[in-house]
PDB file of N, CA and C in Angstrom:
ATOM      1  N   UNK A   1      94.781  88.597 123.938  1.00  0.00           N
ATOM      2  CA  UNK A   1      94.233  89.946 123.913  1.00  0.00           C
ATOM      3  C   UNK A   1      94.240  90.444 122.472  1.00  0.00           C
ATOM      4  N   UNK A   2      93.131  90.976 122.033  1.00  0.00           N
ATOM      5  CA  UNK A   2      93.062  91.490 120.668  1.00  0.00           C
ATOM      6  C   UNK A   2      93.469  92.953 120.638  1.00  0.00           C
ATOM      7  N   UNK A   3      94.046  93.342 119.510  1.00  0.00           N
ATOM      8  CA  UNK A   3      94.479  94.725 119.328  1.00  0.00           C
ATOM      9  C   UNK A   3      93.273  95.570 118.907  1.00  0.00           C
ATOM     10  N   UNK A   4      93.212  96.791 119.422  1.00  0.00           N
ATOM     11  CA  UNK A   4      92.112  97.699 119.072  1.00  0.00           C
ATOM     12  C   UNK A   4      92.158  98.020 117.584  1.00  0.00           C
ATOM     13  N   UNK A   5      91.002  98.164 116.992  1.00  0.00           N
ATOM     14  CA  UNK A   5      90.890  98.527 115.588  1.00  0.00           C
ATOM     15  C   UNK A   5      90.802 100.046 115.491  1.00  0.00           C
ATOM     16  N   UNK A   6      91.924 100.687 115.153  1.00  0.00           N
ATOM     17  CA  UNK A   6      91.925 102.139 115.098  1.00  0.00           C
ATOM     18  C   UNK A   6      91.548 102.668 113.720  1.00  0.00           C
ATOM     19  N   UNK A   7      91.074 101.771 112.829  1.00  0.00           N
ATOM     20  CA  UNK A   7      90.462 102.273 111.606  1.00  0.00           C
ATOM     21  C   UNK A   7      89.180 103.003 111.983  1.00  0.00           C
ATOM     22  N   UNK A   8      88.596 102.606 113.098  1.00  0.00           N
ATOM     23  CA  UNK A   8      87.411 103.260 113.638  1.00  0.00           C
ATOM     24  C   UNK A   8      87.632 103.462 115.131  1.00  0.00           C
ATOM     25  N   UNK A   9      88.254 104.579 115.524  1.00  0.00           N
ATOM     26  CA  UNK A   9      88.525 104.811 116.944  1.00  0.00           C
ATOM     27  C   UNK A   9      87.283 104.722 117.813  1.00  0.00           C
ATOM     28  N   UNK A  10      86.155 105.154 117.290  1.00  0.00           N
ATOM     29  CA  UNK A  10      84.905 105.100 118.053  1.00  0.00           C
ATOM     30  C   UNK A  10      84.549 103.651 118.361  1.00  0.00           C
ATOM     31  N   UNK A  11      84.684 102.773 117.384  1.00  0.00           N
ATOM     32  CA  UNK A  11      84.374 101.361 117.610  1.00  0.00           C
ATOM     33  C   UNK A  11      85.393 100.719 118.534  1.00  0.00           C
ATOM     34  N   UNK A  12      86.648 101.156 118.462  1.00  0.00           N
ATOM     35  CA  UNK A  12      87.680 100.606 119.337  1.00  0.00           C
ATOM     36  C   UNK A  12      87.369 100.898 120.798  1.00  0.00           C
ATOM     37  N   UNK A  13      86.754 102.028 121.072  1.00  0.00           N
ATOM     38  CA  UNK A  13      86.443 102.427 122.450  1.00  0.00           C
ATOM     39  C   UNK A  13      85.129 101.849 122.957  1.00  0.00           C
ATOM     40  N   UNK A  14      84.263 101.478 122.055  1.00  0.00           N
ATOM     41  CA  UNK A  14      82.894 101.106 122.421  1.00  0.00           C
ATOM     42  C   UNK A  14      82.811  99.970 123.442  1.00  0.00           C
ATOM     43  N   UNK A  15      83.563  98.903 123.273  1.00  0.00           N
ATOM     44  CA  UNK A  15      83.429  97.732 124.148  1.00  0.00           C
ATOM     45  C   UNK A  15      83.861  98.029 125.583  1.00  0.00           C
ATOM     46  N   UNK A  16      84.972  98.734 125.749  1.00  0.00           N
ATOM     47  CA  UNK A  16      85.506  98.961 127.091  1.00  0.00           C
ATOM     48  C   UNK A  16      84.907 100.186 127.761  1.00  0.00           C
ATOM     49  N   UNK A  17      84.609 101.191 126.982  1.00  0.00           N
ATOM     50  CA  UNK A  17      84.086 102.449 127.534  1.00  0.00           C
ATOM     51  C   UNK A  17      82.831 102.864 126.772  1.00  0.00           C
ATOM     52  N   UNK A  18      81.732 102.167 126.992  1.00  0.00           N
ATOM     53  CA  UNK A  18      80.516 102.484 126.239  1.00  0.00           C
ATOM     54  C   UNK A  18      80.001 103.902 126.483  1.00  0.00           C
ATOM     55  N   UNK A  19      80.215 104.448 127.676  1.00  0.00           N
ATOM     56  CA  UNK A  19      79.762 105.827 127.928  1.00  0.00           C
ATOM     57  C   UNK A  19      80.574 106.820 127.103  1.00  0.00           C
ATOM     58  N   UNK A  20      81.877 106.558 126.969  1.00  0.00           N
ATOM     59  CA  UNK A  20      82.709 107.409 126.125  1.00  0.00           C
ATOM     60  C   UNK A  20      82.225 107.336 124.679  1.00  0.00           C
ATOM     61  N   UNK A  21      81.946 106.129 124.212  1.00  0.00           N
ATOM     62  CA  UNK A  21      81.438 105.965 122.850  1.00  0.00           C
ATOM     63  C   UNK A  21      80.109 106.698 122.676  1.00  0.00           C
ATOM     64  N   UNK A  22      79.267 106.654 123.693  1.00  0.00           N
ATOM     65  CA  UNK A  22      77.983 107.359 123.622  1.00  0.00           C
ATOM     66  C   UNK A  22      78.191 108.868 123.530  1.00  0.00           C
ATOM     67  N   UNK A  23      79.167 109.398 124.256  1.00  0.00           N
ATOM     68  CA  UNK A  23      79.462 110.831 124.165  1.00  0.00           C
ATOM     69  C   UNK A  23      79.935 111.202 122.765  1.00  0.00           C
ATOM     70  N   UNK A  24      80.753 110.339 122.189  1.00  0.00           N
ATOM     71  CA  UNK A  24      81.202 110.584 120.820  1.00  0.00           C
ATOM     72  C   UNK A  24      79.997 110.598 119.883  1.00  0.00           C
ATOM     73  N   UNK A  25      79.128 109.605 120.049  1.00  0.00           N
ATOM     74  CA  UNK A  25      77.942 109.502 119.187  1.00  0.00           C
ATOM     75  C   UNK A  25      76.953 110.643 119.403  1.00  0.00           C
ATOM     76  N   UNK A  26      76.766 111.039 120.661  1.00  0.00           N
ATOM     77  CA  UNK A  26      75.703 111.986 121.007  1.00  0.00           C
ATOM     78  C   UNK A  26      76.149 113.445 121.078  1.00  0.00           C
ATOM     79  N   UNK A  27      77.442 113.680 121.296  1.00  0.00           N
ATOM     80  CA  UNK A  27      77.926 115.053 121.454  1.00  0.00           C
ATOM     81  C   UNK A  27      78.950 115.416 120.380  1.00  0.00           C
ATOM     82  N   UNK A  28      80.018 114.646 120.296  1.00  0.00           N
ATOM     83  CA  UNK A  28      81.116 115.031 119.407  1.00  0.00           C
ATOM     84  C   UNK A  28      80.664 115.208 117.958  1.00  0.00           C
ATOM     85  N   UNK A  29      80.043 114.184 117.401  1.00  0.00           N
ATOM     86  CA  UNK A  29      79.680 114.296 115.986  1.00  0.00           C
ATOM     87  C   UNK A  29      78.447 115.157 115.734  1.00  0.00           C
ATOM     88  N   UNK A  30      77.338 114.954 116.425  1.00  0.00           N
ATOM     89  CA  UNK A  30      76.163 115.766 116.082  1.00  0.00           C
ATOM     90  C   UNK A  30      76.240 117.218 116.551  1.00  0.00           C
ATOM     91  N   UNK A  31      77.054 117.520 117.555  1.00  0.00           N
ATOM     92  CA  UNK A  31      77.112 118.896 118.055  1.00  0.00           C
ATOM     93  C   UNK A  31      78.425 119.587 117.684  1.00  0.00           C
ATOM     94  N   UNK A  32      79.546 119.008 118.053  1.00  0.00           N
ATOM     95  CA  UNK A  32      80.840 119.660 117.831  1.00  0.00           C
ATOM     96  C   UNK A  32      81.191 119.693 116.344  1.00  0.00           C
ATOM     97  N   UNK A  33      81.167 118.518 115.700  1.00  0.00           N
ATOM     98  CA  UNK A  33      81.515 118.481 114.281  1.00  0.00           C
ATOM     99  C   UNK A  33      80.478 119.200 113.421  1.00  0.00           C
ATOM    100  N   UNK A  34      79.257 119.298 113.860  1.00  0.00           N
ATOM    101  CA  UNK A  34      78.203 119.953 113.075  1.00  0.00           C
ATOM    102  C   UNK A  34      78.158 121.466 113.276  1.00  0.00           C
ATOM    103  N   UNK A  35      78.903 121.978 114.245  1.00  0.00           N
ATOM    104  CA  UNK A  35      78.924 123.418 114.507  1.00  0.00           C
ATOM    105  C   UNK A  35      79.461 124.143 113.274  1.00  0.00           C
ATOM    106  N   UNK A  36      78.697 125.070 112.750  1.00  0.00           N
ATOM    107  CA  UNK A  36      79.064 125.753 111.507  1.00  0.00           C
ATOM    108  C   UNK A  36      80.113 126.848 111.689  1.00  0.00           C
ATOM    109  N   UNK A  37      80.568 127.084 112.917  1.00  0.00           N
ATOM    110  CA  UNK A  37      81.609 128.095 113.130  1.00  0.00           C
ATOM    111  C   UNK A  37      82.915 127.702 112.436  1.00  0.00           C
ATOM    112  N   UNK A  38      83.138 126.400 112.280  1.00  0.00           N
ATOM    113  CA  UNK A  38      84.269 125.899 111.498  1.00  0.00           C
ATOM    114  C   UNK A  38      83.718 124.950 110.445  1.00  0.00           C
ATOM    115  N   UNK A  39      84.288 125.009 109.261  1.00  0.00           N
ATOM    116  CA  UNK A  39      83.883 124.063 108.221  1.00  0.00           C
ATOM    117  C   UNK A  39      84.418 122.675 108.582  1.00  0.00           C
ATOM    118  N   UNK A  40      83.816 121.616 108.047  1.00  0.00           N
ATOM    119  CA  UNK A  40      84.358 120.275 108.292  1.00  0.00           C
ATOM    120  C   UNK A  40      85.828 120.170 107.871  1.00  0.00           C
ATOM    121  N   UNK A  41      86.193 120.839 106.780  1.00  0.00           N
ATOM    122  CA  UNK A  41      87.577 120.842 106.310  1.00  0.00           C
ATOM    123  C   UNK A  41      88.508 121.450 107.357  1.00  0.00           C
ATOM    124  N   UNK A  42      88.146 122.626 107.858  1.00  0.00           N
ATOM    125  CA  UNK A  42      88.980 123.292 108.858  1.00  0.00           C
ATOM    126  C   UNK A  42      89.011 122.499 110.160  1.00  0.00           C
ATOM    127  N   UNK A  43      87.876 121.945 110.541  1.00  0.00           N
ATOM    128  CA  UNK A  43      87.805 121.144 111.761  1.00  0.00           C
ATOM    129  C   UNK A  43      88.711 119.913 111.636  1.00  0.00           C
ATOM    130  N   UNK A  44      88.747 119.303 110.448  1.00  0.00           N
ATOM    131  CA  UNK A  44      89.628 118.158 110.218  1.00  0.00           C
ATOM    132  C   UNK A  44      91.092 118.557 110.349  1.00  0.00           C
ATOM    133  N   UNK A  45      91.446 119.698 109.791  1.00  0.00           N
ATOM    134  CA  UNK A  45      92.837 120.153 109.865  1.00  0.00           C
ATOM    135  C   UNK A  45      93.243 120.422 111.313  1.00  0.00           C
ATOM    136  N   UNK A  46      92.362 121.043 112.081  1.00  0.00           N
ATOM    137  CA  UNK A  46      92.626 121.289 113.503  1.00  0.00           C
ATOM    138  C   UNK A  46      92.764 119.965 114.250  1.00  0.00           C
ATOM    139  N   UNK A  47      91.894 119.015 113.954  1.00  0.00           N
ATOM    140  CA  UNK A  47      91.926 117.721 114.632  1.00  0.00           C
ATOM    141  C   UNK A  47      93.214 116.979 114.321  1.00  0.00           C
ATOM    142  N   UNK A  48      93.618 116.951 113.061  1.00  0.00           N
ATOM    143  CA  UNK A  48      94.872 116.298 112.680  1.00  0.00           C
ATOM    144  C   UNK A  48      96.039 116.945 113.416  1.00  0.00           C
ATOM    145  N   UNK A  49      96.070 118.269 113.455  1.00  0.00           N
ATOM    146  CA  UNK A  49      97.152 118.967 114.154  1.00  0.00           C
ATOM    147  C   UNK A  49      97.161 118.622 115.640  1.00  0.00           C
ATOM    148  N   UNK A  50      95.993 118.589 116.260  1.00  0.00           N
ATOM    149  CA  UNK A  50      95.915 118.265 117.688  1.00  0.00           C
ATOM    150  C   UNK A  50      96.406 116.846 117.957  1.00  0.00           C
ATOM    151  N   UNK A  51      96.045 115.914 117.097  1.00  0.00           N
ATOM    152  CA  UNK A  51      96.494 114.534 117.282  1.00  0.00           C
ATOM    153  C   UNK A  51      98.005 114.425 117.138  1.00  0.00           C
ATOM    154  N   UNK A  52      98.578 115.153 116.187  1.00  0.00           N
ATOM    155  CA  UNK A  52     100.028 115.139 115.999  1.00  0.00           C
ATOM    156  C   UNK A  52     100.720 115.732 117.214  1.00  0.00           C
ATOM    157  N   UNK A  53     100.271 116.886 117.657  1.00  0.00           N
ATOM    158  CA  UNK A  53     100.881 117.554 118.814  1.00  0.00           C
ATOM    159  C   UNK A  53     100.783 116.682 120.062  1.00  0.00           C
ATOM    160  N   UNK A  54      99.651 116.015 120.227  1.00  0.00           N
ATOM    161  CA  UNK A  54      99.459 115.157 121.396  1.00  0.00           C
ATOM    162  C   UNK A  54     100.113 113.796 121.281  1.00  0.00           C
ATOM    163  N   UNK A  55     100.655 113.478 120.113  1.00  0.00           N
ATOM    164  CA  UNK A  55     101.286 112.183 119.920  1.00  0.00           C
ATOM    165  C   UNK A  55     100.295 111.032 119.845  1.00  0.00           C
ATOM    166  N   UNK A  56      99.075 111.318 119.420  1.00  0.00           N
ATOM    167  CA  UNK A  56      98.015 110.302 119.363  1.00  0.00           C
ATOM    168  C   UNK A  56      97.988 109.642 117.982  1.00  0.00           C
ATOM    169  N   UNK A  57      99.040 108.905 117.687  1.00  0.00           N
ATOM    170  CA  UNK A  57      99.198 108.344 116.351  1.00  0.00           C
ATOM    171  C   UNK A  57      98.212 107.223 116.046  1.00  0.00           C
ATOM    172  N   UNK A  58      97.665 106.565 117.067  1.00  0.00           N
ATOM    173  CA  UNK A  58      96.696 105.499 116.803  1.00  0.00           C
ATOM    174  C   UNK A  58      95.439 106.043 116.132  1.00  0.00           C
ATOM    175  N   UNK A  59      95.043 107.243 116.482  1.00  0.00           N
ATOM    176  CA  UNK A  59      93.832 107.834 115.898  1.00  0.00           C
ATOM    177  C   UNK A  59      94.115 108.631 114.630  1.00  0.00           C
ATOM    178  N   UNK A  60      95.385 108.904 114.375  1.00  0.00           N
ATOM    179  CA  UNK A  60      95.729 109.763 113.238  1.00  0.00           C
ATOM    180  C   UNK A  60      95.273 109.210 111.884  1.00  0.00           C
ATOM    181  N   UNK A  61      95.462 107.928 111.572  1.00  0.00           N
ATOM    182  CA  UNK A  61      95.039 107.449 110.248  1.00  0.00           C
ATOM    183  C   UNK A  61      93.566 107.703 109.940  1.00  0.00           C
ATOM    184  N   UNK A  62      92.695 107.426 110.881  1.00  0.00           N
ATOM    185  CA  UNK A  62      91.259 107.648 110.636  1.00  0.00           C
ATOM    186  C   UNK A  62      90.979 109.118 110.362  1.00  0.00           C
ATOM    187  N   UNK A  63      91.663 110.008 111.074  1.00  0.00           N
ATOM    188  CA  UNK A  63      91.416 111.438 110.887  1.00  0.00           C
ATOM    189  C   UNK A  63      92.114 111.979 109.641  1.00  0.00           C
ATOM    190  N   UNK A  64      93.211 111.365 109.234  1.00  0.00           N
ATOM    191  CA  UNK A  64      93.822 111.749 107.955  1.00  0.00           C
ATOM    192  C   UNK A  64      92.873 111.417 106.806  1.00  0.00           C
ATOM    193  N   UNK A  65      92.289 110.224 106.848  1.00  0.00           N
ATOM    194  CA  UNK A  65      91.328 109.849 105.805  1.00  0.00           C
ATOM    195  C   UNK A  65      90.117 110.783 105.824  1.00  0.00           C
ATOM    196  N   UNK A  66      89.647 111.096 107.018  1.00  0.00           N
ATOM    197  CA  UNK A  66      88.500 112.006 107.132  1.00  0.00           C
ATOM    198  C   UNK A  66      88.867 113.395 106.600  1.00  0.00           C
ATOM    199  N   UNK A  67      90.087 113.848 106.890  1.00  0.00           N
ATOM    200  CA  UNK A  67      90.529 115.157 106.398  1.00  0.00           C
ATOM    201  C   UNK A  67      90.500 115.197 104.874  1.00  0.00           C
ATOM    202  N   UNK A  68      91.015 114.151 104.247  1.00  0.00           N
ATOM    203  CA  UNK A  68      91.007 114.099 102.785  1.00  0.00           C
ATOM    204  C   UNK A  68      89.571 114.098 102.268  1.00  0.00           C
ATOM    205  N   UNK A  69      88.703 113.329 102.907  1.00  0.00           N
ATOM    206  CA  UNK A  69      87.305 113.302 102.452  1.00  0.00           C
ATOM    207  C   UNK A  69      86.607 114.635 102.709  1.00  0.00           C
ATOM    208  N   UNK A  70      87.132 115.428 103.647  1.00  0.00           N
ATOM    209  CA  UNK A  70      86.574 116.756 103.922  1.00  0.00           C
ATOM    210  C   UNK A  70      87.250 117.853 103.101  1.00  0.00           C
ATOM    211  N   UNK A  71      88.131 117.463 102.171  1.00  0.00           N
ATOM    212  CA  UNK A  71      88.697 118.436 101.246  1.00  0.00           C
ATOM    213  C   UNK A  71      90.091 118.939 101.553  1.00  0.00           C
ATOM    214  N   UNK A  72      90.743 118.415 102.582  1.00  0.00           N
ATOM    215  CA  UNK A  72      92.122 118.808 102.869  1.00  0.00           C
ATOM    216  C   UNK A  72      93.020 118.068 101.878  1.00  0.00           C
ATOM    217  N   UNK A  73      93.943 118.784 101.260  1.00  0.00           N
ATOM    218  CA  UNK A  73      94.816 118.162 100.265  1.00  0.00           C
ATOM    219  C   UNK A  73      96.054 117.555 100.923  1.00  0.00           C
ATOM    220  N   UNK A  74      96.709 116.652 100.183  1.00  0.00           N
ATOM    221  CA  UNK A  74      97.986 116.085 100.654  1.00  0.00           C
ATOM    222  C   UNK A  74      98.991 117.206 100.900  1.00  0.00           C
ATOM    223  N   UNK A  75      99.009 118.184  99.994  1.00  0.00           N
ATOM    224  CA  UNK A  75      99.936 119.309 100.132  1.00  0.00           C
ATOM    225  C   UNK A  75      99.670 120.065 101.438  1.00  0.00           C
ATOM    226  N   UNK A  76      98.409 120.276 101.771  1.00  0.00           N
ATOM    227  CA  UNK A  76      98.065 120.963 103.021  1.00  0.00           C
ATOM    228  C   UNK A  76      98.426 120.120 104.237  1.00  0.00           C
ATOM    229  N   UNK A  77      98.206 118.814 104.150  1.00  0.00           N
ATOM    230  CA  UNK A  77      98.590 117.933 105.264  1.00  0.00           C
ATOM    231  C   UNK A  77     100.104 117.930 105.442  1.00  0.00           C
ATOM    232  N   UNK A  78     100.837 117.849 104.331  1.00  0.00           N
ATOM    233  CA  UNK A  78     102.301 117.873 104.405  1.00  0.00           C
ATOM    234  C   UNK A  78     102.797 119.195 104.992  1.00  0.00           C
ATOM    235  N   UNK A  79     102.199 120.302 104.571  1.00  0.00           N
ATOM    236  CA  UNK A  79     102.594 121.612 105.093  1.00  0.00           C
ATOM    237  C   UNK A  79     102.274 121.731 106.579  1.00  0.00           C
ATOM    238  N   UNK A  80     101.151 121.167 106.999  1.00  0.00           N
ATOM    239  CA  UNK A  80     100.775 121.184 108.418  1.00  0.00           C
ATOM    240  C   UNK A  80     101.782 120.400 109.239  1.00  0.00           C
ATOM    241  N   UNK A  81     102.135 119.213 108.766  1.00  0.00           N
ATOM    242  CA  UNK A  81     103.108 118.383 109.483  1.00  0.00           C
ATOM    243  C   UNK A  81     104.450 119.096 109.564  1.00  0.00           C
ATOM    244  N   UNK A  82     104.890 119.688 108.462  1.00  0.00           N
ATOM    245  CA  UNK A  82     106.162 120.417 108.453  1.00  0.00           C
ATOM    246  C   UNK A  82     106.114 121.598 109.413  1.00  0.00           C
ATOM    247  N   UNK A  83     105.036 122.337 109.394  1.00  0.00           N
ATOM    248  CA  UNK A  83     104.866 123.486 110.290  1.00  0.00           C
ATOM    249  C   UNK A  83     104.931 123.039 111.754  1.00  0.00           C
ATOM    250  N   UNK A  84     104.268 121.924 112.048  1.00  0.00           N
ATOM    251  CA  UNK A  84     104.233 121.435 113.432  1.00  0.00           C
ATOM    252  C   UNK A  84     105.586 120.953 113.930  1.00  0.00           C
ATOM    253  N   UNK A  85     106.497 120.636 113.026  1.00  0.00           N
ATOM    254  CA  UNK A  85     107.838 120.223 113.464  1.00  0.00           C
ATOM    255  C   UNK A  85     108.463 121.286 114.357  1.00  0.00           C
ATOM    256  N   UNK A  86     108.169 122.543 114.074  1.00  0.00           N
ATOM    257  CA  UNK A  86     108.763 123.639 114.830  1.00  0.00           C
ATOM    258  C   UNK A  86     108.008 123.957 116.118  1.00  0.00           C
ATOM    259  N   UNK A  87     106.810 123.448 116.267  1.00  0.00           N
ATOM    260  CA  UNK A  87     106.002 123.725 117.453  1.00  0.00           C
ATOM    261  C   UNK A  87     105.760 122.490 118.308  1.00  0.00           C
ATOM    262  N   UNK A  88     105.706 121.322 117.684  1.00  0.00           N
ATOM    263  CA  UNK A  88     105.456 120.073 118.416  1.00  0.00           C
ATOM    264  C   UNK A  88     106.703 119.213 118.502  1.00  0.00           C
ATOM    265  N   UNK A  89     107.719 119.561 117.730  1.00  0.00           N
ATOM    266  CA  UNK A  89     108.964 118.808 117.730  1.00  0.00           C
ATOM    267  C   UNK A  89     109.115 117.957 116.477  1.00  0.00           C
ATOM    268  N   UNK A  90     110.368 117.766 116.102  1.00  0.00           N
ATOM    269  CA  UNK A  90     110.652 116.986 114.905  1.00  0.00           C
ATOM    270  C   UNK A  90     110.242 115.526 115.037  1.00  0.00           C
ATOM    271  N   UNK A  91     110.428 114.882 116.199  1.00  0.00           N
ATOM    272  CA  UNK A  91     109.973 113.488 116.300  1.00  0.00           C
ATOM    273  C   UNK A  91     108.472 113.342 116.035  1.00  0.00           C
ATOM    274  N   UNK A  92     107.669 114.269 116.534  1.00  0.00           N
ATOM    275  CA  UNK A  92     106.222 114.211 116.298  1.00  0.00           C
ATOM    276  C   UNK A  92     105.925 114.363 114.809  1.00  0.00           C
ATOM    277  N   UNK A  93     106.626 115.271 114.157  1.00  0.00           N
ATOM    278  CA  UNK A  93     106.398 115.500 112.732  1.00  0.00           C
ATOM    279  C   UNK A  93     106.862 114.315 111.891  1.00  0.00           C
ATOM    280  N   UNK A  94     107.996 113.737 112.235  1.00  0.00           N
ATOM    281  CA  UNK A  94     108.496 112.577 111.490  1.00  0.00           C
ATOM    282  C   UNK A  94     107.530 111.406 111.642  1.00  0.00           C
ATOM    283  N   UNK A  95     107.054 111.170 112.869  1.00  0.00           N
ATOM    284  CA  UNK A  95     106.094 110.084 113.106  1.00  0.00           C
ATOM    285  C   UNK A  95     104.795 110.330 112.346  1.00  0.00           C
ATOM    286  N   UNK A  96     104.327 111.568 112.349  1.00  0.00           N
ATOM    287  CA  UNK A  96     103.097 111.909 111.629  1.00  0.00           C
ATOM    288  C   UNK A  96     103.283 111.744 110.126  1.00  0.00           C
ATOM    289  N   UNK A  97     104.449 112.110 109.637  1.00  0.00           N
ATOM    290  CA  UNK A  97     104.735 111.963 108.213  1.00  0.00           C
ATOM    291  C   UNK A  97     104.710 110.494 107.805  1.00  0.00           C
ATOM    292  N   UNK A  98     105.305 109.649 108.634  1.00  0.00           N
ATOM    293  CA  UNK A  98     105.292 108.211 108.351  1.00  0.00           C
ATOM    294  C   UNK A  98     103.865 107.671 108.381  1.00  0.00           C
ATOM    295  N   UNK A  99     103.072 108.123 109.353  1.00  0.00           N
ATOM    296  CA  UNK A  99     101.674 107.683 109.444  1.00  0.00           C
ATOM    297  C   UNK A  99     100.883 108.148 108.223  1.00  0.00           C
ATOM    298  N   UNK A 100     101.129 109.374 107.786  1.00  0.00           N
ATOM    299  CA  UNK A 100     100.421 109.902 106.619  1.00  0.00           C
ATOM    300  C   UNK A 100     100.793 109.116 105.363  1.00  0.00           C
ATOM    301  N   UNK A 101     102.068 108.822 105.195  1.00  0.00           N
ATOM    302  CA  UNK A 101     102.494 108.053 104.020  1.00  0.00           C
ATOM    303  C   UNK A 101     101.884 106.659 104.044  1.00  0.00           C
ATOM    304  N   UNK A 102     101.896 106.037 105.210  1.00  0.00           N
ATOM    305  CA  UNK A 102     101.333 104.694 105.351  1.00  0.00           C
ATOM    306  C   UNK A 102      99.822 104.696 105.112  1.00  0.00           C
ATOM    307  N   UNK A 103      99.157 105.724 105.590  1.00  0.00           N
ATOM    308  CA  UNK A 103      97.697 105.802 105.490  1.00  0.00           C
ATOM    309  C   UNK A 103      97.230 106.230 104.114  1.00  0.00           C
ATOM    310  N   UNK A 104      97.858 107.256 103.587  1.00  0.00           N
ATOM    311  CA  UNK A 104      97.381 107.839 102.335  1.00  0.00           C
ATOM    312  C   UNK A 104      98.120 107.314 101.116  1.00  0.00           C
ATOM    313  N   UNK A 105      99.331 106.784 101.326  1.00  0.00           N
ATOM    314  CA  UNK A 105     100.098 106.243 100.209  1.00  0.00           C
ATOM    315  C   UNK A 105     100.153 107.217  99.062  1.00  0.00           C
ATOM    316  N   UNK A 106      99.692 106.766  97.935  1.00  0.00           N
ATOM    317  CA  UNK A 106      99.718 107.594  96.733  1.00  0.00           C
ATOM    318  C   UNK A 106      98.371 108.236  96.425  1.00  0.00           C
ATOM    319  N   UNK A 107      97.490 108.283  97.424  1.00  0.00           N
ATOM    320  CA  UNK A 107      96.183 108.917  97.231  1.00  0.00           C
ATOM    321  C   UNK A 107      96.398 110.369  96.848  1.00  0.00           C
ATOM    322  N   UNK A 108      95.783 110.787  95.782  1.00  0.00           N
ATOM    323  CA  UNK A 108      95.869 112.189  95.374  1.00  0.00           C
ATOM    324  C   UNK A 108      94.698 112.936  95.977  1.00  0.00           C
ATOM    325  N   UNK A 109      95.025 113.932  96.776  1.00  0.00           N
ATOM    326  CA  UNK A 109      93.967 114.719  97.416  1.00  0.00           C
ATOM    327  C   UNK A 109      94.259 116.182  97.214  1.00  0.00           C
TER     328      UNK A 109
END
């Protein structure tokens, strides 16, 4: 059995759940992410927070990279993770911090 490639969560889902992948392609990105009520930067920060709170660490690296490319800084990501420790729990924050360090390393954002 091969391990899912979570560098691209959409591609990881495509083979087993093509309808889910189609919804991501047809609804999530062109409609939800394109909605101007939130900037891509703010939407990325909300998404990262939701993944941390939900314990969805497999998808977190891809969204951390997307957050940085959408203008979220390392300092803002670190502050978000620290803030969430008090609302999502310290284990969630520690795990997210480790994922962020592993994913972003010394990337300056």
